[in-house]
Amino acid sequence: MKNKELNALLVWKQMEDQVVPRLRLTPVDHTIYSYLLRHSRLEGKLRLRFSIPWLAHGARVCPGTAREAVRRLVAKGALRLVERSKAGHIVEVRLPEEIRAVRTNGNGTGNDTRLAQVDSLEDTDFLESKELREAIHAREGGACFYCLRRVTTRTRCLDHVVPRVRSGRNSYRNLVSACGECNSQKGEKQAEDFLRGHYRRRRLTADELGDRLRKLDALAAGQLRPDLPTPRSNAGARKTSRAYERFPVWSQSLPRKPRPPIHPENLGSFARPRKPR
């Protein structure tokens, strides 16, 4: 399948006018996306194989910064990670019109409700409420994402795969359930290096390390979506209203009879003057 002939000027305008503000790309993300787009789609390639050192050298950033930028672009849908191995990354660099968050923000009339729901999921802050935080914990199945030990409600917490100091978001693609020990030890380390440290300390086997690294890639690609909490039903309210229908005296405040004016003769013995002592 050949890449269609592109209007480079139009693509560049769409990137500057739509992709950057819609995805809120940082200057580093903007540079990395532009560099990958220039060496892939603008040269007629649908897929691009590259190494992080090559990307870092071409974009004039350090390898760690380039790696985190690629992870963020995958999380935002600008890149699709096809393969990740020792030989490098294989990605599909999406054009501005192919990025879901940009496409649904155009002049469309809601032709696909499912896409709008996905976009709302991408924009959801999963630290906003207890229900959303519980959805992340439930996705991990009661185990720490890093060391695979069982966690409880007292020992678990949410960890940012890409730390907040490195522009990590509160997205479901960047939050995992972790034990308190892993959360404190990881700090600002990269998740891959932290997992390899677990392997060197024999807290993970080789198979578990490989599985964790694959889970990281799946997480960044948006393949580990949590089950969002369903809105509370009105069953309880209906039951309550039915109970009030059975006992209307409890559910309704009956109109009170107007009180008669108070006269001394109505007060009985309380209105009689006291006898002098």
C-alpha atoms as a PDB file:
ATOM      1  CA  MET A   1       0.000   0.000   0.000  1.00  0.00           C
ATOM      2  CA  LYS A   2       1.511   3.289  -1.103  1.00  0.00           C
ATOM      3  CA  ASN A   3       1.198   6.494   0.778  1.00  0.00           C
ATOM      4  CA  LYS A   4      -1.071   9.006  -0.931  1.00  0.00           C
ATOM      5  CA  GLU A   5       0.469  12.107  -2.393  1.00  0.00           C
ATOM      6  CA  LEU A   6       0.458  14.786   0.241  1.00  0.00           C
ATOM      7  CA  ASN A   7       0.306  18.544   0.201  1.00  0.00           C
ATOM      8  CA  ALA A   8       3.167  19.301   2.572  1.00  0.00           C
ATOM      9  CA  LEU A   9       2.102  22.919   3.054  1.00  0.00           C
ATOM     10  CA  LEU A  10      -1.426  21.891   4.017  1.00  0.00           C
ATOM     11  CA  VAL A  11      -0.118  19.228   6.410  1.00  0.00           C
ATOM     12  CA  TRP A  12       2.128  21.760   8.078  1.00  0.00           C
ATOM     13  CA  LYS A  13      -0.701  24.251   8.483  1.00  0.00           C
ATOM     14  CA  GLN A  14      -2.937  21.575  10.001  1.00  0.00           C
ATOM     15  CA  MET A  15      -0.187  20.587  12.397  1.00  0.00           C
ATOM     16  CA  GLU A  16       0.362  24.156  13.576  1.00  0.00           C
ATOM     17  CA  ASP A  17      -3.303  25.190  13.667  1.00  0.00           C
ATOM     18  CA  GLN A  18      -4.961  21.983  14.908  1.00  0.00           C
ATOM     19  CA  VAL A  19      -2.591  19.327  16.232  1.00  0.00           C
ATOM     20  CA  VAL A  20      -0.465  21.524  18.487  1.00  0.00           C
ATOM     21  CA  PRO A  21      -3.333  23.351  20.281  1.00  0.00           C
ATOM     22  CA  ARG A  22      -5.710  20.373  20.337  1.00  0.00           C
ATOM     23  CA  LEU A  23      -3.184  17.887  21.743  1.00  0.00           C
ATOM     24  CA  ARG A  24      -1.429  20.567  23.807  1.00  0.00           C
ATOM     25  CA  LEU A  25       1.955  19.557  22.506  1.00  0.00           C
ATOM     26  CA  THR A  26       4.977  20.805  24.382  1.00  0.00           C
ATOM     27  CA  PRO A  27       7.851  22.300  22.350  1.00  0.00           C
ATOM     28  CA  VAL A  28       9.721  18.989  22.661  1.00  0.00           C
ATOM     29  CA  ASP A  29       6.684  16.959  21.549  1.00  0.00           C
ATOM     30  CA  HIS A  30       6.181  19.370  18.651  1.00  0.00           C
ATOM     31  CA  THR A  31       9.805  18.945  17.565  1.00  0.00           C
ATOM     32  CA  ILE A  32       9.735  15.136  17.800  1.00  0.00           C
ATOM     33  CA  TYR A  33       6.429  14.853  15.932  1.00  0.00           C
ATOM     34  CA  SER A  34       7.630  17.191  13.183  1.00  0.00           C
ATOM     35  CA  TYR A  35      10.893  15.270  12.816  1.00  0.00           C
ATOM     36  CA  LEU A  36       9.174  11.884  12.586  1.00  0.00           C
ATOM     37  CA  LEU A  37       6.525  13.237  10.212  1.00  0.00           C
ATOM     38  CA  ARG A  38       9.202  14.677   7.960  1.00  0.00           C
ATOM     39  CA  HIS A  39      11.066  11.319   7.738  1.00  0.00           C
ATOM     40  CA  SER A  40       7.960   9.182   7.259  1.00  0.00           C
ATOM     41  CA  ARG A  41       4.756  10.440   5.677  1.00  0.00           C
ATOM     42  CA  LEU A  42       6.300  13.369   3.852  1.00  0.00           C
ATOM     43  CA  GLU A  43       8.731  10.919   2.245  1.00  0.00           C
ATOM     44  CA  GLY A  44       5.996   8.470   1.267  1.00  0.00           C
ATOM     45  CA  LYS A  45       6.525   5.974   4.116  1.00  0.00           C
ATOM     46  CA  LEU A  46       3.608   4.688   6.143  1.00  0.00           C
ATOM     47  CA  ARG A  47       5.856   3.183   8.819  1.00  0.00           C
ATOM     48  CA  LEU A  48       9.166   4.312  10.197  1.00  0.00           C
ATOM     49  CA  ARG A  49      11.790   2.277  12.015  1.00  0.00           C
ATOM     50  CA  PHE A  50      14.102   4.336  14.194  1.00  0.00           C
ATOM     51  CA  SER A  51      16.227   4.176  17.304  1.00  0.00           C
ATOM     52  CA  ILE A  52      16.037   6.567  20.230  1.00  0.00           C
ATOM     53  CA  PRO A  53      19.692   7.716  19.799  1.00  0.00           C
ATOM     54  CA  TRP A  54      18.998   8.515  16.130  1.00  0.00           C
ATOM     55  CA  LEU A  55      15.888  10.469  17.050  1.00  0.00           C
ATOM     56  CA  ALA A  56      17.607  12.302  19.893  1.00  0.00           C
ATOM     57  CA  HIS A  57      20.537  13.290  17.652  1.00  0.00           C
ATOM     58  CA  GLY A  58      18.273  14.540  14.866  1.00  0.00           C
ATOM     59  CA  ALA A  59      15.955  16.502  17.167  1.00  0.00           C
ATOM     60  CA  ARG A  60      18.872  17.834  19.274  1.00  0.00           C
ATOM     61  CA  VAL A  61      17.560  16.483  22.578  1.00  0.00           C
ATOM     62  CA  CYS A  62      18.854  13.922  25.035  1.00  0.00           C
ATOM     63  CA  PRO A  63      17.763  10.275  24.601  1.00  0.00           C
ATOM     64  CA  GLY A  64      15.653  10.265  27.752  1.00  0.00           C
ATOM     65  CA  THR A  65      13.735  13.341  26.608  1.00  0.00           C
ATOM     66  CA  ALA A  66      13.189  11.802  23.163  1.00  0.00           C
ATOM     67  CA  ARG A  67      11.911   8.545  24.693  1.00  0.00           C
ATOM     68  CA  GLU A  68       9.414  10.338  26.935  1.00  0.00           C
ATOM     69  CA  ALA A  69       8.227  12.498  24.020  1.00  0.00           C
ATOM     70  CA  VAL A  70       7.576   9.388  21.926  1.00  0.00           C
ATOM     71  CA  ARG A  71       5.615   7.874  24.805  1.00  0.00           C
ATOM     72  CA  ARG A  72       3.488  11.023  25.123  1.00  0.00           C
ATOM     73  CA  LEU A  73       2.830  11.177  21.375  1.00  0.00           C
ATOM     74  CA  VAL A  74       1.713   7.551  21.400  1.00  0.00           C
ATOM     75  CA  ALA A  75      -0.566   8.294  24.353  1.00  0.00           C
ATOM     76  CA  LYS A  76      -2.112  11.259  22.529  1.00  0.00           C
ATOM     77  CA  GLY A  77      -2.685   9.309  19.327  1.00  0.00           C
ATOM     78  CA  ALA A  78      -0.203  11.142  17.089  1.00  0.00           C
ATOM     79  CA  LEU A  79       1.858   7.944  16.787  1.00  0.00           C
ATOM     80  CA  ARG A  80       0.827   4.301  16.694  1.00  0.00           C
ATOM     81  CA  LEU A  81       3.388   1.959  18.156  1.00  0.00           C
ATOM     82  CA  VAL A  82       3.669  -1.103  15.928  1.00  0.00           C
ATOM     83  CA  GLU A  83       6.722  -2.796  17.431  1.00  0.00           C
ATOM     84  CA  ARG A  84       9.322  -2.107  20.046  1.00  0.00           C
ATOM     85  CA  SER A  85      12.486  -4.183  20.255  1.00  0.00           C
ATOM     86  CA  LYS A  86      16.222  -3.893  20.794  1.00  0.00           C
ATOM     87  CA  ALA A  87      16.586  -2.950  17.137  1.00  0.00           C
ATOM     88  CA  GLY A  88      14.404   0.104  17.680  1.00  0.00           C
ATOM     89  CA  HIS A  89      10.846   1.324  17.359  1.00  0.00           C
ATOM     90  CA  ILE A  90       8.459   0.859  14.456  1.00  0.00           C
ATOM     91  CA  VAL A  91       5.704   3.469  14.441  1.00  0.00           C
ATOM     92  CA  GLU A  92       3.015   4.786  12.159  1.00  0.00           C
ATOM     93  CA  VAL A  93       3.132   8.567  12.174  1.00  0.00           C
ATOM     94  CA  ARG A  94      -0.405   9.809  11.769  1.00  0.00           C
ATOM     95  CA  LEU A  95      -1.293  12.828   9.685  1.00  0.00           C
ATOM     96  CA  PRO A  96      -3.276  15.608  11.385  1.00  0.00           C
ATOM     97  CA  GLU A  97      -6.481  14.438   9.693  1.00  0.00           C
ATOM     98  CA  GLU A  98      -5.882  10.886  10.974  1.00  0.00           C
ATOM     99  CA  ILE A  99      -5.472  11.822  14.641  1.00  0.00           C
ATOM    100  CA  ARG A 100      -8.707  10.984  16.387  1.00  0.00           C
ATOM    101  CA  ALA A 101      -8.695  13.898  18.822  1.00  0.00           C
ATOM    102  CA  VAL A 102      -8.133  16.354  15.971  1.00  0.00           C
ATOM    103  CA  ARG A 103     -10.609  14.751  13.575  1.00  0.00           C
ATOM    104  CA  THR A 104     -13.520  14.817  16.040  1.00  0.00           C
ATOM    105  CA  ASN A 105     -12.782  18.453  16.847  1.00  0.00           C
ATOM    106  CA  GLY A 106     -13.432  19.562  13.264  1.00  0.00           C
ATOM    107  CA  ASN A 107     -16.641  20.623  11.621  1.00  0.00           C
ATOM    108  CA  GLY A 108     -18.191  17.182  11.767  1.00  0.00           C
ATOM    109  CA  THR A 109     -21.722  16.735  13.006  1.00  0.00           C
ATOM    110  CA  GLY A 110     -21.087  13.914  15.412  1.00  0.00           C
ATOM    111  CA  ASN A 111     -20.957  11.180  12.779  1.00  0.00           C
ATOM    112  CA  ASP A 112     -19.549   8.710  15.262  1.00  0.00           C
ATOM    113  CA  THR A 113     -20.690   8.881  18.867  1.00  0.00           C
ATOM    114  CA  ARG A 114     -18.233   6.185  19.863  1.00  0.00           C
ATOM    115  CA  LEU A 115     -15.293   8.364  18.846  1.00  0.00           C
ATOM    116  CA  ALA A 116     -16.613  11.203  20.970  1.00  0.00           C
ATOM    117  CA  GLN A 117     -16.801   8.836  23.930  1.00  0.00           C
ATOM    118  CA  VAL A 118     -13.207   7.755  23.338  1.00  0.00           C
ATOM    119  CA  ASP A 119     -12.101  11.382  23.225  1.00  0.00           C
ATOM    120  CA  SER A 120     -13.854  12.054  26.517  1.00  0.00           C
ATOM    121  CA  LEU A 121     -11.983   9.092  27.975  1.00  0.00           C
ATOM    122  CA  GLU A 122      -8.689  10.494  26.706  1.00  0.00           C
ATOM    123  CA  ASP A 123      -9.398  13.861  28.323  1.00  0.00           C
ATOM    124  CA  THR A 124     -10.568  12.403  31.637  1.00  0.00           C
ATOM    125  CA  ASP A 125      -8.549  13.258  34.729  1.00  0.00           C
ATOM    126  CA  PHE A 126      -8.448   9.957  36.622  1.00  0.00           C
ATOM    127  CA  LEU A 127      -7.387  11.635  39.851  1.00  0.00           C
ATOM    128  CA  GLU A 128     -10.526  13.729  39.861  1.00  0.00           C
ATOM    129  CA  SER A 129     -12.786  11.404  41.842  1.00  0.00           C
ATOM    130  CA  LYS A 130     -12.648   8.292  43.977  1.00  0.00           C
ATOM    131  CA  GLU A 131     -14.630   6.295  41.403  1.00  0.00           C
ATOM    132  CA  LEU A 132     -12.098   7.035  38.664  1.00  0.00           C
ATOM    133  CA  ARG A 133      -9.172   6.164  40.925  1.00  0.00           C
ATOM    134  CA  GLU A 134     -10.848   2.886  41.818  1.00  0.00           C
ATOM    135  CA  ALA A 135     -11.198   2.115  38.103  1.00  0.00           C
ATOM    136  CA  ILE A 136      -7.399   2.232  37.716  1.00  0.00           C
ATOM    137  CA  HIS A 137      -6.898  -0.023  40.756  1.00  0.00           C
ATOM    138  CA  ALA A 138      -9.493  -2.475  39.428  1.00  0.00           C
ATOM    139  CA  ARG A 139      -7.737  -2.626  36.065  1.00  0.00           C
ATOM    140  CA  GLU A 140      -4.567  -3.960  37.730  1.00  0.00           C
ATOM    141  CA  GLY A 141      -6.534  -6.689  39.498  1.00  0.00           C
ATOM    142  CA  GLY A 142      -5.336  -5.888  43.022  1.00  0.00           C
ATOM    143  CA  ALA A 143      -1.618  -6.220  42.222  1.00  0.00           C
ATOM    144  CA  CYS A 144       1.228  -3.727  41.994  1.00  0.00           C
ATOM    145  CA  PHE A 145       1.958  -2.905  38.349  1.00  0.00           C
ATOM    146  CA  TYR A 146       5.724  -2.973  38.953  1.00  0.00           C
ATOM    147  CA  CYS A 147       6.511  -5.780  41.421  1.00  0.00           C
ATOM    148  CA  LEU A 148       3.261  -7.806  40.970  1.00  0.00           C
ATOM    149  CA  ARG A 149       2.779  -8.133  44.718  1.00  0.00           C
ATOM    150  CA  ARG A 150      -0.737  -8.103  46.085  1.00  0.00           C
ATOM    151  CA  VAL A 151      -1.882  -4.758  47.449  1.00  0.00           C
ATOM    152  CA  THR A 152      -4.678  -3.717  49.753  1.00  0.00           C
ATOM    153  CA  THR A 153      -6.628  -0.515  50.077  1.00  0.00           C
ATOM    154  CA  ARG A 154      -4.133   0.603  52.729  1.00  0.00           C
ATOM    155  CA  THR A 155      -0.931  -0.221  50.844  1.00  0.00           C
ATOM    156  CA  ARG A 156      -1.875   0.786  47.300  1.00  0.00           C
ATOM    157  CA  CYS A 157      -1.578   4.133  45.557  1.00  0.00           C
ATOM    158  CA  LEU A 158      -1.576   5.527  42.026  1.00  0.00           C
ATOM    159  CA  ASP A 159       1.746   6.108  40.298  1.00  0.00           C
ATOM    160  CA  HIS A 160       2.515   8.230  37.232  1.00  0.00           C
ATOM    161  CA  VAL A 161       4.462   6.190  34.681  1.00  0.00           C
ATOM    162  CA  VAL A 162       5.780   9.455  33.246  1.00  0.00           C
ATOM    163  CA  PRO A 163       6.341  11.651  36.337  1.00  0.00           C
ATOM    164  CA  ARG A 164       4.457  14.912  36.674  1.00  0.00           C
ATOM    165  CA  VAL A 165       7.726  16.843  36.611  1.00  0.00           C
ATOM    166  CA  ARG A 166       8.201  15.477  33.068  1.00  0.00           C
ATOM    167  CA  SER A 167       4.748  16.608  31.939  1.00  0.00           C
ATOM    168  CA  GLY A 168       3.078  13.306  32.777  1.00  0.00           C
ATOM    169  CA  ARG A 169      -0.704  13.541  32.661  1.00  0.00           C
ATOM    170  CA  ASN A 170      -3.421  12.089  34.873  1.00  0.00           C
ATOM    171  CA  SER A 171      -4.624   9.967  31.964  1.00  0.00           C
ATOM    172  CA  TYR A 172      -5.478   6.286  32.188  1.00  0.00           C
ATOM    173  CA  ARG A 173      -2.483   5.758  29.910  1.00  0.00           C
ATOM    174  CA  ASN A 174      -0.133   7.225  32.492  1.00  0.00           C
ATOM    175  CA  LEU A 175      -1.557   5.957  35.797  1.00  0.00           C
ATOM    176  CA  VAL A 176      -1.029   2.519  37.315  1.00  0.00           C
ATOM    177  CA  SER A 177      -1.826   0.929  40.641  1.00  0.00           C
ATOM    178  CA  ALA A 178       1.327   0.418  42.703  1.00  0.00           C
ATOM    179  CA  CYS A 179       2.368  -0.474  46.193  1.00  0.00           C
ATOM    180  CA  GLY A 180       3.707   2.302  48.411  1.00  0.00           C
ATOM    181  CA  GLU A 181       7.241   0.915  48.286  1.00  0.00           C
ATOM    182  CA  CYS A 182       7.454   0.948  44.491  1.00  0.00           C
ATOM    183  CA  ASN A 183       5.851   4.369  44.340  1.00  0.00           C
ATOM    184  CA  SER A 184       8.441   5.878  46.678  1.00  0.00           C
ATOM    185  CA  GLN A 185      11.405   4.067  45.099  1.00  0.00           C
ATOM    186  CA  LYS A 186      10.496   4.888  41.508  1.00  0.00           C
ATOM    187  CA  GLY A 187      10.319   8.644  41.998  1.00  0.00           C
ATOM    188  CA  GLU A 188      11.352  10.346  38.752  1.00  0.00           C
ATOM    189  CA  LYS A 189      12.972   7.242  37.247  1.00  0.00           C
ATOM    190  CA  GLN A 190      11.864   5.922  33.895  1.00  0.00           C
ATOM    191  CA  ALA A 191       9.506   2.994  34.222  1.00  0.00           C
ATOM    192  CA  GLU A 192      11.657   0.696  32.049  1.00  0.00           C
ATOM    193  CA  ASP A 193      14.782   1.342  34.105  1.00  0.00           C
ATOM    194  CA  PHE A 194      12.839   0.851  37.332  1.00  0.00           C
ATOM    195  CA  LEU A 195      11.515  -2.520  36.147  1.00  0.00           C
ATOM    196  CA  ARG A 196      14.986  -3.636  35.089  1.00  0.00           C
ATOM    197  CA  GLY A 197      16.196  -2.709  38.570  1.00  0.00           C
ATOM    198  CA  HIS A 198      13.556  -5.040  39.990  1.00  0.00           C
ATOM    199  CA  TYR A 199      14.876  -7.770  37.715  1.00  0.00           C
ATOM    200  CA  ARG A 200      18.478  -7.216  38.841  1.00  0.00           C
ATOM    201  CA  ARG A 201      17.347  -7.426  42.468  1.00  0.00           C
ATOM    202  CA  ARG A 202      15.458 -10.636  41.589  1.00  0.00           C
ATOM    203  CA  ARG A 203      12.089  -9.197  42.424  1.00  0.00           C
ATOM    204  CA  LEU A 204      10.960 -10.082  38.884  1.00  0.00           C
ATOM    205  CA  THR A 205      11.784 -13.036  36.709  1.00  0.00           C
ATOM    206  CA  ALA A 206      12.855 -12.654  33.081  1.00  0.00           C
ATOM    207  CA  ASP A 207       9.376 -13.606  31.880  1.00  0.00           C
ATOM    208  CA  GLU A 208       7.731 -11.161  34.289  1.00  0.00           C
ATOM    209  CA  LEU A 209      10.077  -8.384  33.166  1.00  0.00           C
ATOM    210  CA  GLY A 210       9.205  -9.015  29.516  1.00  0.00           C
ATOM    211  CA  ASP A 211       5.516  -9.036  30.376  1.00  0.00           C
ATOM    212  CA  ARG A 212       5.809  -5.750  32.290  1.00  0.00           C
ATOM    213  CA  LEU A 213       7.626  -4.057  29.406  1.00  0.00           C
ATOM    214  CA  ARG A 214       4.932  -5.208  26.993  1.00  0.00           C
ATOM    215  CA  LYS A 215       2.296  -3.888  29.373  1.00  0.00           C
ATOM    216  CA  LEU A 216       4.036  -0.511  29.368  1.00  0.00           C
ATOM    217  CA  ASP A 217       3.826  -0.375  25.588  1.00  0.00           C
ATOM    218  CA  ALA A 218       0.183  -1.451  25.653  1.00  0.00           C
ATOM    219  CA  LEU A 219      -0.545   1.175  28.298  1.00  0.00           C
ATOM    220  CA  ALA A 220       1.021   3.937  26.205  1.00  0.00           C
ATOM    221  CA  ALA A 221      -0.888   2.742  23.137  1.00  0.00           C
ATOM    222  CA  GLY A 222      -4.217   3.016  24.976  1.00  0.00           C
ATOM    223  CA  GLN A 223      -4.906  -0.717  24.975  1.00  0.00           C
ATOM    224  CA  LEU A 224      -5.396  -0.992  28.760  1.00  0.00           C
ATOM    225  CA  ARG A 225      -8.580   0.974  29.182  1.00  0.00           C
ATOM    226  CA  PRO A 226     -10.244   0.845  32.590  1.00  0.00           C
ATOM    227  CA  ASP A 227     -13.919   0.198  33.045  1.00  0.00           C
ATOM    228  CA  LEU A 228     -15.480   3.543  33.808  1.00  0.00           C
ATOM    229  CA  PRO A 229     -17.921   3.612  36.725  1.00  0.00           C
ATOM    230  CA  THR A 230     -21.533   3.530  35.619  1.00  0.00           C
ATOM    231  CA  PRO A 231     -23.740   6.368  36.813  1.00  0.00           C
ATOM    232  CA  ARG A 232     -25.732   5.594  39.890  1.00  0.00           C
ATOM    233  CA  SER A 233     -29.193   4.328  39.162  1.00  0.00           C
ATOM    234  CA  ASN A 234     -32.353   5.793  40.606  1.00  0.00           C
ATOM    235  CA  ALA A 235     -33.476   2.434  41.993  1.00  0.00           C
ATOM    236  CA  GLY A 236     -32.989   3.629  45.543  1.00  0.00           C
ATOM    237  CA  ALA A 237     -34.959   6.761  44.867  1.00  0.00           C
ATOM    238  CA  ARG A 238     -37.779   4.756  43.319  1.00  0.00           C
ATOM    239  CA  LYS A 239     -37.902   2.447  46.309  1.00  0.00           C
ATOM    240  CA  THR A 240     -38.048   5.402  48.620  1.00  0.00           C
ATOM    241  CA  SER A 241     -40.834   7.036  46.652  1.00  0.00           C
ATOM    242  CA  ARG A 242     -42.821   3.788  46.670  1.00  0.00           C
ATOM    243  CA  ALA A 243     -42.407   3.548  50.418  1.00  0.00           C
ATOM    244  CA  TYR A 244     -43.738   7.074  50.715  1.00  0.00           C
ATOM    245  CA  GLU A 245     -46.690   6.126  48.549  1.00  0.00           C
ATOM    246  CA  ARG A 246     -47.505   3.300  50.971  1.00  0.00           C
ATOM    247  CA  PHE A 247     -47.292   5.678  53.909  1.00  0.00           C
ATOM    248  CA  PRO A 248     -48.551   9.023  52.632  1.00  0.00           C
ATOM    249  CA  VAL A 249     -48.640  10.482  56.118  1.00  0.00           C
ATOM    250  CA  TRP A 250     -44.853  10.093  56.366  1.00  0.00           C
ATOM    251  CA  SER A 251     -44.123  11.384  52.888  1.00  0.00           C
ATOM    252  CA  GLN A 252     -46.345  14.440  52.902  1.00  0.00           C
ATOM    253  CA  SER A 253     -46.563  17.210  55.390  1.00  0.00           C
ATOM    254  CA  LEU A 254     -50.248  17.728  56.004  1.00  0.00           C
ATOM    255  CA  PRO A 255     -51.472  21.317  56.054  1.00  0.00           C
ATOM    256  CA  ARG A 256     -51.696  22.566  59.565  1.00  0.00           C
ATOM    257  CA  LYS A 257     -54.908  24.046  60.888  1.00  0.00           C
ATOM    258  CA  PRO A 258     -54.655  27.720  61.675  1.00  0.00           C
ATOM    259  CA  ARG A 259     -54.151  28.277  65.347  1.00  0.00           C
ATOM    260  CA  PRO A 260     -56.935  30.144  67.101  1.00  0.00           C
ATOM    261  CA  PRO A 261     -56.064  33.486  68.596  1.00  0.00           C
ATOM    262  CA  ILE A 262     -54.903  33.272  72.156  1.00  0.00           C
ATOM    263  CA  HIS A 263     -57.312  34.816  74.648  1.00  0.00           C
ATOM    264  CA  PRO A 264     -57.058  34.763  78.408  1.00  0.00           C
ATOM    265  CA  GLU A 265     -60.174  32.608  78.693  1.00  0.00           C
ATOM    266  CA  ASN A 266     -58.548  29.966  76.481  1.00  0.00           C
ATOM    267  CA  LEU A 267     -55.513  29.650  78.727  1.00  0.00           C
ATOM    268  CA  GLY A 268     -57.524  28.146  81.591  1.00  0.00           C
ATOM    269  CA  SER A 269     -55.767  28.088  84.909  1.00  0.00           C
ATOM    270  CA  PHE A 270     -52.540  29.403  83.434  1.00  0.00           C
ATOM    271  CA  ALA A 271     -54.178  32.762  82.749  1.00  0.00           C
ATOM    272  CA  ARG A 272     -55.410  33.235  86.337  1.00  0.00           C
ATOM    273  CA  PRO A 273     -53.480  35.811  88.308  1.00  0.00           C
ATOM    274  CA  ARG A 274     -51.426  34.478  91.112  1.00  0.00           C
ATOM    275  CA  LYS A 275     -52.607  35.023  94.609  1.00  0.00           C
ATOM    276  CA  PRO A 276     -50.515  37.404  96.626  1.00  0.00           C
ATOM    277  CA  ARG A 277     -48.339  35.687  99.184  1.00  0.00           C
END
